[in-house]
Amino acid sequence: MSRWEDDCFLDKSSKLKYDMRIKKKRGGHMLKVVAKNYPDSEHMDEILSLCRELVDITRQEKGCISYGVYRDAEHPELLTMIEEWESREDLDNHLHSEHFTRIVPQMGRLMTRTADMNIYQQVI
């Protein structure tokens, strides 16, 4: 670990969490998910509210490394969820969780088309 990385941690617990994430990434088990959503612009406020609820709960889940919603810089009507998971099992648990199965169908009714979702594994 570099001097810069050592200086970034206030306590040993944070450093341990960082070390564990790096090990997972190097082991090739980590997954990235990119889900492109096509909201109906008339319902954007409601969609963003649902997204906030989903993100807040999901970030507490076991195996969630990161989970965020991003607006396309060139096409602001597009929202993309970018996620990182420690394992496929953690992602599958998320996809079957109470909050996911409750919130995502509500969001789906406010979209102009079905979301595009891709799951990636690091190869290099």
Protein backbone atom coordinates (compact mmCIF):
# COMPACT_ATOMS: atom_id res chain seq x y z
CA MET A 1 0.00 0.00 0.00
CA SER A 2 1.38 3.41 -0.93
CA ARG A 3 2.00 6.28 1.49
CA TRP A 4 -0.92 8.14 -0.12
CA GLU A 5 -3.26 5.22 0.57
CA ASP A 6 -2.04 4.97 4.18
CA ASP A 7 -2.77 8.67 4.69
CA CYS A 8 -6.34 8.29 3.38
CA PHE A 9 -7.50 6.06 6.25
CA LEU A 10 -8.57 7.44 9.61
CA ASP A 11 -8.78 4.04 11.28
CA LYS A 12 -7.78 0.40 10.82
CA SER A 13 -11.37 -0.65 10.14
CA SER A 14 -11.57 1.53 7.02
CA LYS A 15 -8.21 0.23 5.83
CA LEU A 16 -9.34 -3.37 6.32
CA LYS A 17 -12.51 -2.76 4.28
CA TYR A 18 -10.39 -1.20 1.54
CA ASP A 19 -7.96 -4.15 1.57
CA MET A 20 -10.84 -6.64 1.31
CA ARG A 21 -12.31 -4.82 -1.69
CA ILE A 22 -8.96 -4.76 -3.45
CA LYS A 23 -8.56 -8.51 -2.86
CA LYS A 24 -12.02 -9.14 -4.34
CA LYS A 25 -11.21 -7.00 -7.38
CA ARG A 26 -7.88 -8.73 -7.96
CA GLY A 27 -9.52 -12.12 -7.56
CA GLY A 28 -11.82 -11.41 -10.50
CA HIS A 29 -15.01 -12.13 -8.57
CA MET A 30 -16.31 -8.57 -8.56
CA LEU A 31 -19.13 -7.72 -10.97
CA LYS A 32 -20.15 -4.41 -12.50
CA VAL A 33 -23.71 -3.83 -13.61
CA VAL A 34 -24.78 -1.11 -16.03
CA ALA A 35 -28.54 -0.62 -16.34
CA LYS A 36 -29.69 2.04 -18.80
CA ASN A 37 -33.18 3.40 -18.08
CA TYR A 38 -35.48 5.38 -20.36
CA PRO A 39 -37.75 7.51 -18.15
CA ASP A 40 -40.87 9.27 -19.30
CA SER A 41 -39.80 12.91 -18.77
CA GLU A 42 -43.23 13.77 -17.36
CA HIS A 43 -42.52 11.43 -14.42
CA MET A 44 -38.86 12.30 -13.79
CA ASP A 45 -39.40 13.62 -10.24
CA GLU A 46 -41.27 10.47 -9.22
CA ILE A 47 -38.65 8.25 -10.86
CA LEU A 48 -35.80 10.06 -9.09
CA SER A 49 -37.62 9.70 -5.78
CA LEU A 50 -37.93 5.94 -6.32
CA CYS A 51 -34.26 5.80 -7.37
CA ARG A 52 -33.22 7.54 -4.14
CA GLU A 53 -35.12 5.00 -2.06
CA LEU A 54 -33.63 2.08 -4.02
CA VAL A 55 -30.08 3.45 -3.78
CA ASP A 56 -30.30 4.25 -0.06
CA ILE A 57 -31.47 0.74 0.83
CA THR A 58 -29.24 -1.09 -1.65
CA ARG A 59 -26.04 0.57 -0.43
CA GLN A 60 -26.62 -1.20 2.91
CA GLU A 61 -26.80 -4.66 1.33
CA LYS A 62 -24.14 -7.31 1.85
CA GLY A 63 -21.75 -7.32 -1.09
CA CYS A 64 -22.68 -3.90 -2.47
CA ILE A 65 -19.45 -2.05 -3.24
CA SER A 66 -21.09 0.88 -5.00
CA TYR A 67 -24.51 1.74 -6.39
CA GLY A 68 -25.40 5.01 -8.09
CA VAL A 69 -27.70 6.64 -10.61
CA TYR A 70 -26.21 8.85 -13.31
CA ARG A 71 -27.79 11.18 -15.86
CA ASP A 72 -26.36 11.00 -19.37
CA ALA A 73 -24.35 14.19 -20.07
CA GLU A 74 -25.51 14.41 -23.69
CA HIS A 75 -29.00 12.96 -23.28
CA PRO A 76 -30.33 14.14 -19.89
CA GLU A 77 -33.52 12.12 -20.33
CA LEU A 78 -31.47 8.90 -19.86
CA LEU A 79 -30.65 7.54 -16.41
CA THR A 80 -28.05 4.83 -15.90
CA MET A 81 -27.48 2.78 -12.78
CA ILE A 82 -23.87 1.75 -12.31
CA GLU A 83 -23.27 -0.88 -9.65
CA GLU A 84 -20.42 -2.93 -8.24
CA TRP A 85 -21.00 -6.21 -6.41
CA GLU A 86 -18.55 -8.49 -4.62
CA SER A 87 -20.08 -11.66 -6.12
CA ARG A 88 -22.82 -13.02 -8.35
CA GLU A 89 -24.53 -14.39 -5.25
CA ASP A 90 -24.71 -10.88 -3.74
CA LEU A 91 -26.12 -9.49 -7.00
CA ASP A 92 -28.70 -12.29 -7.19
CA ASN A 93 -29.76 -11.62 -3.59
CA HIS A 94 -30.22 -7.96 -4.51
CA LEU A 95 -32.31 -8.79 -7.58
CA HIS A 96 -34.64 -10.87 -5.38
CA SER A 97 -34.72 -8.49 -2.40
CA GLU A 98 -37.97 -7.01 -1.10
CA HIS A 99 -37.03 -3.45 -2.00
CA PHE A 100 -35.86 -4.32 -5.52
CA THR A 101 -38.96 -6.38 -6.36
CA ARG A 102 -41.18 -3.60 -4.96
CA ILE A 103 -39.49 -0.46 -6.34
CA VAL A 104 -38.28 -1.55 -9.80
CA PRO A 105 -41.78 -2.48 -11.11
CA GLN A 106 -43.03 0.93 -9.94
CA MET A 107 -40.19 2.57 -11.88
CA GLY A 108 -40.88 0.37 -14.91
CA ARG A 109 -44.40 1.74 -15.24
CA LEU A 110 -42.90 5.24 -15.57
CA MET A 111 -40.43 4.36 -18.35
CA THR A 112 -40.86 4.69 -22.10
CA ARG A 113 -39.26 1.28 -22.69
CA THR A 114 -37.65 -1.64 -20.89
CA ALA A 115 -34.26 -1.01 -19.30
CA ASP A 116 -31.09 -2.41 -20.87
CA MET A 117 -28.97 -4.23 -18.28
CA ASN A 118 -25.49 -5.68 -18.74
CA ILE A 119 -23.40 -7.56 -16.19
CA TYR A 120 -19.63 -7.37 -16.55
CA GLN A 121 -16.75 -9.37 -15.10
CA GLN A 122 -13.28 -7.88 -15.10
CA VAL A 123 -10.92 -9.73 -17.45
CA ILE A 124 -7.75 -7.60 -17.17
